C-alpha atoms as a PDB file:
ATOM      1  CA  MET A   1      -1.325 -13.523  -0.683  1.00  0.00           C
ATOM      2  CA  ASP A   2      -4.327 -15.276  -2.155  1.00  0.00           C
ATOM      3  CA  ASN A   3      -7.453 -15.059  -0.006  1.00  0.00           C
ATOM      4  CA  ILE A   4     -11.112 -16.041  -0.028  1.00  0.00           C
ATOM      5  CA  PHE A   5     -11.951 -13.122  -2.257  1.00  0.00           C
ATOM      6  CA  GLY A   6      -9.317 -14.067  -4.815  1.00  0.00           C
ATOM      7  CA  ASP A   7     -10.473 -17.686  -4.826  1.00  0.00           C
ATOM      8  CA  ALA A   8     -14.009 -16.662  -5.379  1.00  0.00           C
ATOM      9  CA  ALA A   9     -12.978 -14.269  -8.179  1.00  0.00           C
ATOM     10  CA  GLU A  10     -10.937 -16.976  -9.806  1.00  0.00           C
ATOM     11  CA  ARG A  11     -13.877 -19.374  -9.944  1.00  0.00           C
ATOM     12  CA  LEU A  12     -16.313 -16.649 -11.138  1.00  0.00           C
ATOM     13  CA  PHE A  13     -14.104 -15.234 -13.859  1.00  0.00           C
ATOM     14  CA  ALA A  14     -13.200 -18.775 -15.127  1.00  0.00           C
ATOM     15  CA  GLU A  15     -16.853 -19.509 -15.473  1.00  0.00           C
ATOM     16  CA  THR A  16     -18.123 -16.207 -16.993  1.00  0.00           C
ATOM     17  CA  CYS A  17     -15.136 -14.660 -18.838  1.00  0.00           C
ATOM     18  CA  THR A  18     -14.524 -17.477 -21.254  1.00  0.00           C
ATOM     19  CA  PRO A  19     -12.471 -17.007 -24.476  1.00  0.00           C
ATOM     20  CA  ASP A  20     -15.751 -16.878 -26.424  1.00  0.00           C
ATOM     21  CA  VAL A  21     -17.142 -14.053 -24.244  1.00  0.00           C
ATOM     22  CA  ILE A  22     -13.834 -12.149 -24.614  1.00  0.00           C
ATOM     23  CA  ARG A  23     -13.850 -12.462 -28.411  1.00  0.00           C
ATOM     24  CA  ARG A  24     -17.508 -11.413 -28.644  1.00  0.00           C
ATOM     25  CA  ALA A  25     -16.751  -8.357 -26.503  1.00  0.00           C
ATOM     26  CA  GLU A  26     -13.917  -7.452 -28.853  1.00  0.00           C
ATOM     27  CA  GLN A  27     -16.349  -7.730 -31.742  1.00  0.00           C
ATOM     28  CA  GLY A  28     -18.737  -5.299 -30.114  1.00  0.00           C
ATOM     29  CA  GLN A  29     -21.076  -7.359 -27.956  1.00  0.00           C
ATOM     30  CA  ARG A  30     -21.183  -6.003 -24.414  1.00  0.00           C
ATOM     31  CA  PRO A  31     -20.469  -8.620 -21.770  1.00  0.00           C
ATOM     32  CA  THR A  32     -23.620  -7.835 -19.851  1.00  0.00           C
ATOM     33  CA  ALA A  33     -24.160 -11.216 -18.156  1.00  0.00           C
ATOM     34  CA  ALA A  34     -20.548 -11.559 -17.228  1.00  0.00           C
ATOM     35  CA  TRP A  35     -20.493  -8.085 -15.665  1.00  0.00           C
ATOM     36  CA  GLN A  36     -23.801  -8.732 -13.801  1.00  0.00           C
ATOM     37  CA  ALA A  37     -22.374 -11.843 -12.237  1.00  0.00           C
ATOM     38  CA  CYS A  38     -19.340  -9.834 -11.048  1.00  0.00           C
ATOM     39  CA  GLU A  39     -21.651  -7.069  -9.737  1.00  0.00           C
ATOM     40  CA  ASP A  40     -23.814  -9.596  -7.927  1.00  0.00           C
ATOM     41  CA  ALA A  41     -20.682 -11.033  -6.245  1.00  0.00           C
ATOM     42  CA  GLY A  42     -19.830  -7.645  -4.834  1.00  0.00           C
ATOM     43  CA  PHE A  43     -16.332  -7.362  -6.301  1.00  0.00           C
ATOM     44  CA  GLY A  44     -16.938  -3.813  -7.559  1.00  0.00           C
ATOM     45  CA  ASP A  45     -17.438  -2.616  -3.967  1.00  0.00           C
ATOM     46  CA  ALA A  46     -14.474  -4.504  -2.516  1.00  0.00           C
ATOM     47  CA  LEU A  47     -12.650  -1.355  -1.485  1.00  0.00           C
ATOM     48  CA  VAL A  48     -15.799   0.663  -0.513  1.00  0.00           C
ATOM     49  CA  PRO A  49     -16.024   1.103   3.324  1.00  0.00           C
ATOM     50  CA  GLN A  50     -18.568  -1.092   5.057  1.00  0.00           C
ATOM     51  CA  ALA A  51     -20.394   2.007   6.278  1.00  0.00           C
ATOM     52  CA  ASP A  52     -21.122   2.766   2.621  1.00  0.00           C
ATOM     53  CA  GLY A  53     -22.251  -0.744   1.801  1.00  0.00           C
ATOM     54  CA  GLY A  54     -18.953  -2.219   0.577  1.00  0.00           C
ATOM     55  CA  ALA A  55     -16.658  -5.004   1.769  1.00  0.00           C
ATOM     56  CA  GLY A  56     -14.173  -2.634   3.344  1.00  0.00           C
ATOM     57  CA  LEU A  57     -11.102  -4.516   2.084  1.00  0.00           C
ATOM     58  CA  ASP A  58      -7.718  -2.841   2.060  1.00  0.00           C
ATOM     59  CA  LEU A  59      -5.678  -2.620  -1.191  1.00  0.00           C
ATOM     60  CA  ALA A  60      -3.475  -5.671  -0.481  1.00  0.00           C
ATOM     61  CA  GLU A  61      -6.618  -7.812   0.130  1.00  0.00           C
ATOM     62  CA  ALA A  62      -8.137  -6.694  -3.210  1.00  0.00           C
ATOM     63  CA  LEU A  63      -5.034  -7.517  -5.286  1.00  0.00           C
ATOM     64  CA  PRO A  64      -5.989 -11.243  -5.743  1.00  0.00           C
ATOM     65  CA  ILE A  65      -9.265 -10.120  -7.368  1.00  0.00           C
ATOM     66  CA  VAL A  66      -7.311  -7.939  -9.850  1.00  0.00           C
ATOM     67  CA  LEU A  67      -4.811 -10.696 -10.572  1.00  0.00           C
ATOM     68  CA  ALA A  68      -7.673 -13.103 -11.301  1.00  0.00           C
ATOM     69  CA  ALA A  69      -9.193 -10.493 -13.639  1.00  0.00           C
ATOM     70  CA  GLY A  70      -5.904 -10.233 -15.515  1.00  0.00           C
ATOM     71  CA  ARG A  71      -5.535 -14.056 -15.719  1.00  0.00           C
ATOM     72  CA  HIS A  72      -8.930 -14.313 -17.342  1.00  0.00           C
ATOM     73  CA  LEU A  73      -8.821 -11.078 -19.393  1.00  0.00           C
ATOM     74  CA  CYS A  74     -12.160  -9.874 -17.937  1.00  0.00           C
ATOM     75  CA  PRO A  75     -13.673  -7.864 -20.776  1.00  0.00           C
ATOM     76  CA  TYR A  76     -14.989  -5.219 -18.410  1.00  0.00           C
ATOM     77  CA  PRO A  77     -12.901  -2.841 -16.137  1.00  0.00           C
ATOM     78  CA  ILE A  78     -13.318  -4.544 -12.741  1.00  0.00           C
ATOM     79  CA  ALA A  79      -9.883  -3.423 -11.588  1.00  0.00           C
ATOM     80  CA  HIS A  80     -10.783   0.162 -12.427  1.00  0.00           C
ATOM     81  CA  THR A  81     -14.226  -0.139 -10.932  1.00  0.00           C
ATOM     82  CA  LEU A  82     -13.201  -1.185  -7.461  1.00  0.00           C
ATOM     83  CA  LEU A  83     -10.670   1.671  -7.283  1.00  0.00           C
ATOM     84  CA  ALA A  84     -13.034   4.200  -8.793  1.00  0.00           C
ATOM     85  CA  ARG A  85     -15.878   3.290  -6.472  1.00  0.00           C
ATOM     86  CA  ALA A  86     -13.657   3.653  -3.438  1.00  0.00           C
ATOM     87  CA  TRP A  87     -12.622   7.057  -4.664  1.00  0.00           C
ATOM     88  CA  LEU A  88     -16.206   8.150  -5.307  1.00  0.00           C
ATOM     89  CA  SER A  89     -17.099   6.940  -1.830  1.00  0.00           C
ATOM     90  CA  ARG A  90     -14.421   9.163  -0.325  1.00  0.00           C
ATOM     91  CA  ALA A  91     -15.640  12.051  -2.492  1.00  0.00           C
ATOM     92  CA  GLN A  92     -19.089  11.485  -0.964  1.00  0.00           C
ATOM     93  CA  ARG A  93     -20.653  10.980  -4.331  1.00  0.00           C
ATOM     94  CA  PRO A  94     -23.511   8.364  -4.419  1.00  0.00           C
ATOM     95  CA  GLN A  95     -22.305   5.098  -6.035  1.00  0.00           C
ATOM     96  CA  ALA A  96     -22.783   4.629  -9.751  1.00  0.00           C
ATOM     97  CA  THR A  97     -24.442   1.374 -10.697  1.00  0.00           C
ATOM     98  CA  GLY A  98     -22.268  -0.242 -13.310  1.00  0.00           C
ATOM     99  CA  SER A  99     -18.631  -0.632 -14.317  1.00  0.00           C
ATOM    100  CA  ILE A 100     -16.326   2.412 -14.243  1.00  0.00           C
ATOM    101  CA  ALA A 101     -13.165   2.843 -16.282  1.00  0.00           C
ATOM    102  CA  LEU A 102     -10.472   5.357 -15.362  1.00  0.00           C
ATOM    103  CA  ALA A 103      -9.304   7.830 -17.975  1.00  0.00           C
ATOM    104  CA  PRO A 104      -6.662  10.124 -16.337  1.00  0.00           C
ATOM    105  CA  GLN A 105      -5.293  11.450 -19.628  1.00  0.00           C
ATOM    106  CA  GLY A 106      -6.330  12.217 -23.116  1.00  0.00           C
ATOM    107  CA  LEU A 107      -9.670  13.958 -22.723  1.00  0.00           C
ATOM    108  CA  ALA A 108     -10.267  17.613 -23.513  1.00  0.00           C
ATOM    109  CA  ILE A 109     -13.186  20.047 -23.989  1.00  0.00           C
ATOM    110  CA  GLU A 110     -13.538  20.922 -27.642  1.00  0.00           C
ATOM    111  CA  GLY A 111     -16.529  22.501 -29.298  1.00  0.00           C
ATOM    112  CA  GLY A 112     -18.763  22.129 -26.358  1.00  0.00           C
ATOM    113  CA  ARG A 113     -18.009  18.446 -25.897  1.00  0.00           C
ATOM    114  CA  LEU A 114     -15.612  16.302 -23.882  1.00  0.00           C
ATOM    115  CA  ARG A 115     -13.539  14.332 -26.393  1.00  0.00           C
ATOM    116  CA  GLY A 116     -10.946  11.593 -26.185  1.00  0.00           C
ATOM    117  CA  ALA A 117      -9.158   9.826 -29.023  1.00  0.00           C
ATOM    118  CA  ASN A 118      -8.481   6.575 -27.122  1.00  0.00           C
ATOM    119  CA  VAL A 119     -10.717   6.287 -24.112  1.00  0.00           C
ATOM    120  CA  PRO A 120     -10.000   3.069 -22.205  1.00  0.00           C
ATOM    121  CA  TRP A 121     -12.652   0.395 -21.903  1.00  0.00           C
ATOM    122  CA  VAL A 122     -15.316   2.738 -23.322  1.00  0.00           C
ATOM    123  CA  ARG A 123     -16.728  -0.076 -25.498  1.00  0.00           C
ATOM    124  CA  THR A 124     -17.713  -2.190 -22.497  1.00  0.00           C
ATOM    125  CA  ALA A 125     -17.761   0.135 -19.428  1.00  0.00           C
ATOM    126  CA  ASP A 126     -20.921   1.855 -18.111  1.00  0.00           C
ATOM    127  CA  TYR A 127     -19.079   4.955 -16.976  1.00  0.00           C
ATOM    128  CA  ILE A 128     -15.774   6.706 -17.544  1.00  0.00           C
ATOM    129  CA  LEU A 129     -14.220   8.599 -14.591  1.00  0.00           C
ATOM    130  CA  ALA A 130     -11.979  11.088 -16.327  1.00  0.00           C
ATOM    131  CA  GLU A 131      -9.744  14.012 -15.622  1.00  0.00           C
ATOM    132  CA  SER A 132      -9.714  17.050 -17.980  1.00  0.00           C
ATOM    133  CA  GLY A 133      -8.654  20.572 -17.451  1.00  0.00           C
ATOM    134  CA  GLY A 134      -8.010  19.999 -13.747  1.00  0.00           C
ATOM    135  CA  GLN A 135     -11.514  18.771 -13.222  1.00  0.00           C
ATOM    136  CA  THR A 136     -12.933  15.299 -12.654  1.00  0.00           C
ATOM    137  CA  TRP A 137     -15.902  14.064 -14.672  1.00  0.00           C
ATOM    138  CA  LEU A 138     -18.177  11.039 -14.430  1.00  0.00           C
ATOM    139  CA  LEU A 139     -19.299  10.172 -17.976  1.00  0.00           C
ATOM    140  CA  PRO A 140     -22.057   7.680 -18.873  1.00  0.00           C
ATOM    141  CA  THR A 141     -21.038   5.664 -21.929  1.00  0.00           C
ATOM    142  CA  GLN A 142     -24.698   5.520 -23.039  1.00  0.00           C
ATOM    143  CA  ALA A 143     -24.498   9.241 -23.726  1.00  0.00           C
ATOM    144  CA  ALA A 144     -21.262   9.036 -25.687  1.00  0.00           C
ATOM    145  CA  CYS A 145     -20.592   9.084 -29.351  1.00  0.00           C
ATOM    146  CA  ILE A 146     -18.191   6.157 -29.800  1.00  0.00           C
ATOM    147  CA  ARG A 147     -16.086   5.435 -32.874  1.00  0.00           C
ATOM    148  CA  PRO A 148     -13.696   2.443 -33.170  1.00  0.00           C
ATOM    149  CA  ASN A 149     -10.011   3.408 -33.068  1.00  0.00           C
ATOM    150  CA  GLY A 150      -9.013   0.847 -35.700  1.00  0.00           C
ATOM    151  CA  VAL A 151      -6.937  -1.337 -33.417  1.00  0.00           C
ATOM    152  CA  HIS A 152      -7.945  -5.008 -33.663  1.00  0.00           C
ATOM    153  CA  GLY A 153      -9.830  -6.193 -30.638  1.00  0.00           C
ATOM    154  CA  ASN A 154      -9.104  -3.035 -28.606  1.00  0.00           C
ATOM    155  CA  LEU A 155     -11.802  -2.192 -26.045  1.00  0.00           C
ATOM    156  CA  ALA A 156     -10.739   1.445 -26.084  1.00  0.00           C
ATOM    157  CA  ALA A 157     -12.214   3.804 -28.708  1.00  0.00           C
ATOM    158  CA  GLU A 158     -12.581   7.410 -29.728  1.00  0.00           C
ATOM    159  CA  ALA A 159     -15.449   8.943 -27.776  1.00  0.00           C
ATOM    160  CA  SER A 160     -17.100  12.312 -27.005  1.00  0.00           C
ATOM    161  CA  TRP A 161     -19.807  13.537 -24.662  1.00  0.00           C
ATOM    162  CA  PRO A 162     -22.028  16.614 -24.638  1.00  0.00           C
ATOM    163  CA  LEU A 163     -21.181  18.697 -21.561  1.00  0.00           C
ATOM    164  CA  ASP A 164     -24.689  18.456 -20.202  1.00  0.00           C
ATOM    165  CA  ALA A 165     -24.264  14.696 -19.938  1.00  0.00           C
ATOM    166  CA  ALA A 166     -21.023  15.060 -17.936  1.00  0.00           C
ATOM    167  CA  GLU A 167     -21.295  15.083 -14.195  1.00  0.00           C
ATOM    168  CA  ARG A 168     -18.515  17.079 -12.454  1.00  0.00           C
ATOM    169  CA  VAL A 169     -17.261  15.370  -9.266  1.00  0.00           C
ATOM    170  CA  GLU A 170     -15.592  17.441  -6.618  1.00  0.00           C
ATOM    171  CA  GLY A 171     -12.376  16.270  -5.069  1.00  0.00           C
ATOM    172  CA  ALA A 172      -8.696  15.943  -5.854  1.00  0.00           C
ATOM    173  CA  ALA A 173      -8.541  12.862  -8.019  1.00  0.00           C
ATOM    174  CA  PRO A 174      -5.147  11.191  -8.489  1.00  0.00           C
ATOM    175  CA  LEU A 175      -6.702   9.135 -11.280  1.00  0.00           C
ATOM    176  CA  ASP A 176      -3.358   8.481 -12.915  1.00  0.00           C
ATOM    177  CA  VAL A 177      -2.185   6.800  -9.708  1.00  0.00           C
ATOM    178  CA  LEU A 178      -5.417   4.714  -9.513  1.00  0.00           C
ATOM    179  CA  ALA A 179      -5.033   3.688 -13.154  1.00  0.00           C
ATOM    180  CA  ALA A 180      -1.370   2.756 -12.706  1.00  0.00           C
ATOM    181  CA  THR A 181      -2.301   0.576  -9.783  1.00  0.00           C
ATOM    182  CA  ALA A 182      -5.036  -1.205 -11.634  1.00  0.00           C
ATOM    183  CA  TYR A 183      -2.908  -1.916 -14.681  1.00  0.00           C
ATOM    184  CA  ALA A 184      -0.034  -3.185 -12.621  1.00  0.00           C
ATOM    185  CA  GLY A 185      -2.281  -5.846 -11.107  1.00  0.00           C
ATOM    186  CA  LEU A 186      -3.829  -6.737 -14.491  1.00  0.00           C
ATOM    187  CA  ILE A 187      -0.458  -7.028 -16.235  1.00  0.00           C
ATOM    188  CA  ALA A 188       0.841  -9.312 -13.450  1.00  0.00           C
ATOM    189  CA  GLY A 189      -2.264 -11.554 -13.668  1.00  0.00           C
ATOM    190  CA  ALA A 190      -2.149 -11.839 -17.452  1.00  0.00           C
ATOM    191  CA  MET A 191       1.559 -12.606 -17.464  1.00  0.00           C
ATOM    192  CA  GLU A 192       0.960 -15.464 -14.999  1.00  0.00           C
ATOM    193  CA  ARG A 193      -1.433 -16.948 -17.483  1.00  0.00           C
ATOM    194  CA  VAL A 194       0.912 -16.452 -20.432  1.00  0.00           C
ATOM    195  CA  LEU A 195       3.682 -18.281 -18.537  1.00  0.00           C
ATOM    196  CA  ALA A 196       1.358 -21.164 -17.755  1.00  0.00           C
ATOM    197  CA  MET A 197       0.333 -21.407 -21.405  1.00  0.00           C
ATOM    198  CA  THR A 198       3.923 -21.349 -22.520  1.00  0.00           C
ATOM    199  CA  LEU A 199       5.059 -24.042 -20.098  1.00  0.00           C
ATOM    200  CA  ASP A 200       2.179 -26.262 -21.140  1.00  0.00           C
ATOM    201  CA  TYR A 201       2.908 -25.816 -24.812  1.00  0.00           C
ATOM    202  CA  ALA A 202       6.670 -26.421 -24.345  1.00  0.00           C
ATOM    203  CA  ASN A 203       5.956 -29.645 -22.541  1.00  0.00           C
ATOM    204  CA  GLN A 204       3.595 -30.926 -25.174  1.00  0.00           C
ATOM    205  CA  ARG A 205       5.158 -29.760 -28.476  1.00  0.00           C
ATOM    206  CA  ALA A 206       7.676 -32.385 -29.577  1.00  0.00           C
ATOM    207  CA  GLN A 207      10.600 -31.879 -31.918  1.00  0.00           C
ATOM    208  CA  PHE A 208      13.359 -34.368 -32.804  1.00  0.00           C
ATOM    209  CA  GLY A 209      11.636 -36.916 -30.617  1.00  0.00           C
ATOM    210  CA  LYS A 210      11.259 -35.001 -27.407  1.00  0.00           C
ATOM    211  CA  PRO A 211       9.309 -32.002 -25.958  1.00  0.00           C
ATOM    212  CA  ILE A 212      10.837 -28.692 -26.908  1.00  0.00           C
ATOM    213  CA  GLY A 213      10.792 -27.760 -23.223  1.00  0.00           C
ATOM    214  CA  ARG A 214      13.695 -30.131 -22.742  1.00  0.00           C
ATOM    215  CA  PHE A 215      15.973 -28.122 -25.024  1.00  0.00           C
ATOM    216  CA  GLN A 216      18.339 -25.930 -23.162  1.00  0.00           C
ATOM    217  CA  ALA A 217      17.714 -22.843 -25.374  1.00  0.00           C
ATOM    218  CA  VAL A 218      13.959 -23.038 -24.615  1.00  0.00           C
ATOM    219  CA  GLN A 219      14.542 -23.584 -20.941  1.00  0.00           C
ATOM    220  CA  GLN A 220      16.745 -20.507 -20.787  1.00  0.00           C
ATOM    221  CA  GLN A 221      14.074 -18.406 -22.486  1.00  0.00           C
ATOM    222  CA  VAL A 222      11.327 -19.697 -20.188  1.00  0.00           C
ATOM    223  CA  SER A 223      13.469 -19.010 -17.100  1.00  0.00           C
ATOM    224  CA  VAL A 224      13.826 -15.397 -18.210  1.00  0.00           C
ATOM    225  CA  MET A 225      10.092 -15.249 -18.680  1.00  0.00           C
ATOM    226  CA  ALA A 226       9.440 -16.668 -15.239  1.00  0.00           C
ATOM    227  CA  GLU A 227      11.857 -14.067 -13.706  1.00  0.00           C
ATOM    228  CA  GLN A 228       9.916 -11.223 -15.375  1.00  0.00           C
ATOM    229  CA  VAL A 229       6.521 -12.687 -14.318  1.00  0.00           C
ATOM    230  CA  TRP A 230       7.427 -12.857 -10.690  1.00  0.00           C
ATOM    231  CA  ALA A 231       9.056  -9.484 -10.772  1.00  0.00           C
ATOM    232  CA  ALA A 232       5.758  -8.090 -12.105  1.00  0.00           C
ATOM    233  CA  ARG A 233       3.899  -9.891  -9.349  1.00  0.00           C
ATOM    234  CA  MET A 234       6.045  -8.230  -6.706  1.00  0.00           C
ATOM    235  CA  ALA A 235       5.631  -4.946  -8.548  1.00  0.00           C
ATOM    236  CA  ALA A 236       1.850  -5.361  -8.256  1.00  0.00           C
ATOM    237  CA  GLN A 237       2.156  -6.036  -4.511  1.00  0.00           C
ATOM    238  CA  LEU A 238       4.055  -2.733  -4.294  1.00  0.00           C
ATOM    239  CA  ALA A 239       1.400  -0.898  -6.121  1.00  0.00           C
ATOM    240  CA  PHE A 240      -1.422  -2.283  -4.013  1.00  0.00           C
ATOM    241  CA  GLN A 241      -0.199  -0.629  -0.797  1.00  0.00           C
ATOM    242  CA  GLY A 242      -1.920   2.279   0.845  1.00  0.00           C
ATOM    243  CA  GLY A 243      -4.717   3.229   3.162  1.00  0.00           C
ATOM    244  CA  GLU A 244      -8.451   3.714   2.750  1.00  0.00           C
ATOM    245  CA  GLY A 245      -8.370   2.366  -0.799  1.00  0.00           C
ATOM    246  CA  GLN A 246      -5.867   5.012  -1.842  1.00  0.00           C
ATOM    247  CA  PRO A 247      -2.522   3.783  -3.332  1.00  0.00           C
ATOM    248  CA  ALA A 248       0.746   5.326  -2.275  1.00  0.00           C
ATOM    249  CA  PRO A 249       1.703   7.392  -5.373  1.00  0.00           C
ATOM    250  CA  MET A 250       5.381   6.406  -5.607  1.00  0.00           C
ATOM    251  CA  LEU A 251       4.700   2.750  -4.897  1.00  0.00           C
ATOM    252  CA  ALA A 252       2.017   2.726  -7.624  1.00  0.00           C
ATOM    253  CA  ALA A 253       4.525   4.468  -9.960  1.00  0.00           C
ATOM    254  CA  ALA A 254       7.254   1.885  -9.206  1.00  0.00           C
ATOM    255  CA  GLY A 255       4.777  -0.989  -9.579  1.00  0.00           C
ATOM    256  CA  LYS A 256       3.376   0.169 -12.912  1.00  0.00           C
ATOM    257  CA  ALA A 257       6.836   0.990 -14.252  1.00  0.00           C
ATOM    258  CA  ARG A 258       8.180  -2.487 -13.402  1.00  0.00           C
ATOM    259  CA  ALA A 259       5.116  -4.324 -14.775  1.00  0.00           C
ATOM    260  CA  SER A 260       5.154  -2.334 -17.956  1.00  0.00           C
ATOM    261  CA  GLN A 261       8.857  -3.019 -18.403  1.00  0.00           C
ATOM    262  CA  ALA A 262       8.265  -6.837 -18.139  1.00  0.00           C
ATOM    263  CA  ALA A 263       5.224  -6.981 -20.467  1.00  0.00           C
ATOM    264  CA  PRO A 264       6.980  -6.898 -23.849  1.00  0.00           C
ATOM    265  CA  LEU A 265       9.658  -9.275 -22.786  1.00  0.00           C
ATOM    266  CA  VAL A 266       7.143 -11.835 -21.635  1.00  0.00           C
ATOM    267  CA  ALA A 267       4.999 -11.464 -24.775  1.00  0.00           C
ATOM    268  CA  ASP A 268       8.020 -11.777 -27.035  1.00  0.00           C
ATOM    269  CA  ILE A 269       9.336 -14.918 -25.382  1.00  0.00           C
ATOM    270  CA  ALA A 270       5.884 -16.514 -25.338  1.00  0.00           C
ATOM    271  CA  HIS A 271       5.573 -16.070 -29.090  1.00  0.00           C
ATOM    272  CA  ALA A 272       9.122 -17.281 -29.679  1.00  0.00           C
ATOM    273  CA  VAL A 273       8.366 -20.546 -27.835  1.00  0.00           C
ATOM    274  CA  HIS A 274       5.015 -21.006 -29.438  1.00  0.00           C
ATOM    275  CA  GLY A 275       6.128 -20.186 -32.944  1.00  0.00           C
ATOM    276  CA  ALA A 276       3.497 -19.508 -35.623  1.00  0.00           C
ATOM    277  CA  ILE A 277       0.560 -20.928 -33.713  1.00  0.00           C
ATOM    278  CA  GLY A 278       0.860 -18.124 -31.153  1.00  0.00           C
ATOM    279  CA  ILE A 279      -0.383 -15.530 -33.585  1.00  0.00           C
ATOM    280  CA  THR A 280      -3.340 -17.454 -34.990  1.00  0.00           C
ATOM    281  CA  GLU A 281      -6.666 -15.933 -34.128  1.00  0.00           C
ATOM    282  CA  GLU A 282      -8.213 -19.110 -32.820  1.00  0.00           C
ATOM    283  CA  TYR A 283      -5.341 -19.658 -30.283  1.00  0.00           C
ATOM    284  CA  ASP A 284      -5.790 -17.762 -27.054  1.00  0.00           C
ATOM    285  CA  LEU A 285      -2.190 -16.558 -26.615  1.00  0.00           C
ATOM    286  CA  GLN A 286      -2.596 -13.637 -28.991  1.00  0.00           C
ATOM    287  CA  CYS A 287      -5.518 -12.327 -26.919  1.00  0.00           C
ATOM    288  CA  TYR A 288      -3.225 -12.077 -23.933  1.00  0.00           C
ATOM    289  CA  THR A 289      -0.186 -10.633 -25.605  1.00  0.00           C
ATOM    290  CA  ARG A 290      -2.260  -7.966 -27.317  1.00  0.00           C
ATOM    291  CA  ARG A 291      -3.606  -6.933 -23.893  1.00  0.00           C
ATOM    292  CA  LEU A 292      -0.139  -6.933 -22.382  1.00  0.00           C
ATOM    293  CA  ARG A 293       1.090  -4.511 -25.078  1.00  0.00           C
ATOM    294  CA  GLU A 294      -1.976  -2.319 -24.601  1.00  0.00           C
ATOM    295  CA  TRP A 295      -1.747  -2.255 -20.802  1.00  0.00           C
ATOM    296  CA  ARG A 296       1.945  -1.538 -20.942  1.00  0.00           C
ATOM    297  CA  LEU A 297       1.123   1.855 -22.391  1.00  0.00           C
ATOM    298  CA  ALA A 298      -2.216   2.441 -20.720  1.00  0.00           C
ATOM    299  CA  GLY A 299      -2.039   4.880 -17.780  1.00  0.00           C
ATOM    300  CA  GLY A 300       1.575   5.649 -18.726  1.00  0.00           C
ATOM    301  CA  SER A 301       4.485   3.451 -19.906  1.00  0.00           C
ATOM    302  CA  GLU A 302       7.525   2.549 -17.877  1.00  0.00           C
ATOM    303  CA  SER A 303       9.304   5.682 -19.249  1.00  0.00           C
ATOM    304  CA  HIS A 304       6.449   7.930 -18.057  1.00  0.00           C
ATOM    305  CA  TRP A 305       6.553   6.561 -14.521  1.00  0.00           C
ATOM    306  CA  HIS A 306      10.377   6.389 -14.354  1.00  0.00           C
ATOM    307  CA  GLU A 307      10.378  10.088 -15.094  1.00  0.00           C
ATOM    308  CA  ARG A 308       7.821  10.728 -12.369  1.00  0.00           C
ATOM    309  CA  ILE A 309       9.819   8.710  -9.839  1.00  0.00           C
ATOM    310  CA  GLY A 310      13.029  10.518 -10.802  1.00  0.00           C
ATOM    311  CA  ALA A 311      11.483  13.957 -10.538  1.00  0.00           C
ATOM    312  CA  HIS A 312      10.087  13.091  -7.137  1.00  0.00           C
ATOM    313  CA  ALA A 313      13.433  11.766  -5.911  1.00  0.00           C
ATOM    314  CA  LEU A 314      15.314  14.825  -7.100  1.00  0.00           C
ATOM    315  CA  SER A 315      12.820  17.180  -5.284  1.00  0.00           C
ATOM    316  CA  SER A 316      13.372  15.304  -2.015  1.00  0.00           C
ATOM    317  CA  THR A 317      15.475  16.888   0.753  1.00  0.00           C
ATOM    318  CA  HIS A 318      16.436  13.531   2.121  1.00  0.00           C
ATOM    319  CA  ASP A 319      19.553  11.502   1.337  1.00  0.00           C
ATOM    320  CA  ALA A 320      19.203   8.622  -1.118  1.00  0.00           C
ATOM    321  CA  LEU A 321      18.896   5.858   1.527  1.00  0.00           C
ATOM    322  CA  SER A 322      16.333   7.756   3.585  1.00  0.00           C
ATOM    323  CA  TYR A 323      14.307   8.491   0.420  1.00  0.00           C
ATOM    324  CA  VAL A 324      14.220   4.842  -0.596  1.00  0.00           C
ATOM    325  CA  ARG A 325      13.266   3.700   2.835  1.00  0.00           C
ATOM    326  CA  GLY A 326      10.482   6.307   3.031  1.00  0.00           C
ATOM    327  CA  ALA A 327       9.175   5.407  -0.402  1.00  0.00           C
ATOM    328  CA  LEU A 328       8.934   1.740   0.415  1.00  0.00           C
ATOM    329  CA  HIS A 329       6.845   2.536   3.387  1.00  0.00           C
ATOM    330  CA  GLY A 330       4.671   4.972   1.513  1.00  0.00           C
ATOM    331  CA  LYS A 331       6.077   8.012   3.284  1.00  0.00           C
ATOM    332  CA  GLU A 332       6.733  10.202   0.256  1.00  0.00           C
ATOM    333  CA  ALA A 333       6.907  13.759   1.501  1.00  0.00           C
ATOM    334  CA  ALA A 334       9.912  15.533   0.147  1.00  0.00           C
END
């Protein structure tokens, strides 16, 4: 499933999204140069139709870009941006220059301002595409009042905007589905990197005269981890199905639910194998496992999406087998 776009993204993110850049972004320094390199490469417009100046990829072709972003913990919302720009293109809204984060929940109009207690990516994104009160808003982060949420290294924050800085965008925006799709791919990519780090550590760390990776108990744990990682990869492939840059809602729901379900298991096993070094700040593992736990909840946890899938299935007039067949092909009418 890798392609020329994924290979190019892998090389670019490895060069520009280094651990030092990630840590500086978490400390408040915007990754301007890293984002500009991504913008110049055209990844933000991967799903935008060619007629509108984009690459015109379909969702499946764009997944390797998102997996690479997850593997390198890109400190800007490229996965959100490519989905948001495709949606804005369909809404016939001129493209925003800059990165765009999706905020389908958590914002409300209070006291003449749009407010959110935990707005995703707001510390590094240029815009937030948000839903509130049944309306869709494009919010420039430069106009926002941003306050840290107190979570170590989190790129989300409390934020508010004056209404005169908020641009209303017409169109039915399934932003929750877009966000679920993006996070499914990011989780799968990050877990691939966590598995690679764990295997490398287990093959190097010696105890009682041999690498700990040769102990049966460790091998069993790593095999469980590998199972979860590849299940999440398949879940991301499900999520990245659809036409015209628009994910199929129930496939996105299933993909995000399965990826979120795997995230804490993979994080826990990685730390169990690494031991104490895994939580030290200078070691990169904790950067990944923190993101996995954040992304598990972002856009809705597995419980949220399981409930959505169950409600949709119960509302269907088809028998169980026909429903499952229809859902797997993106034919989700009840």
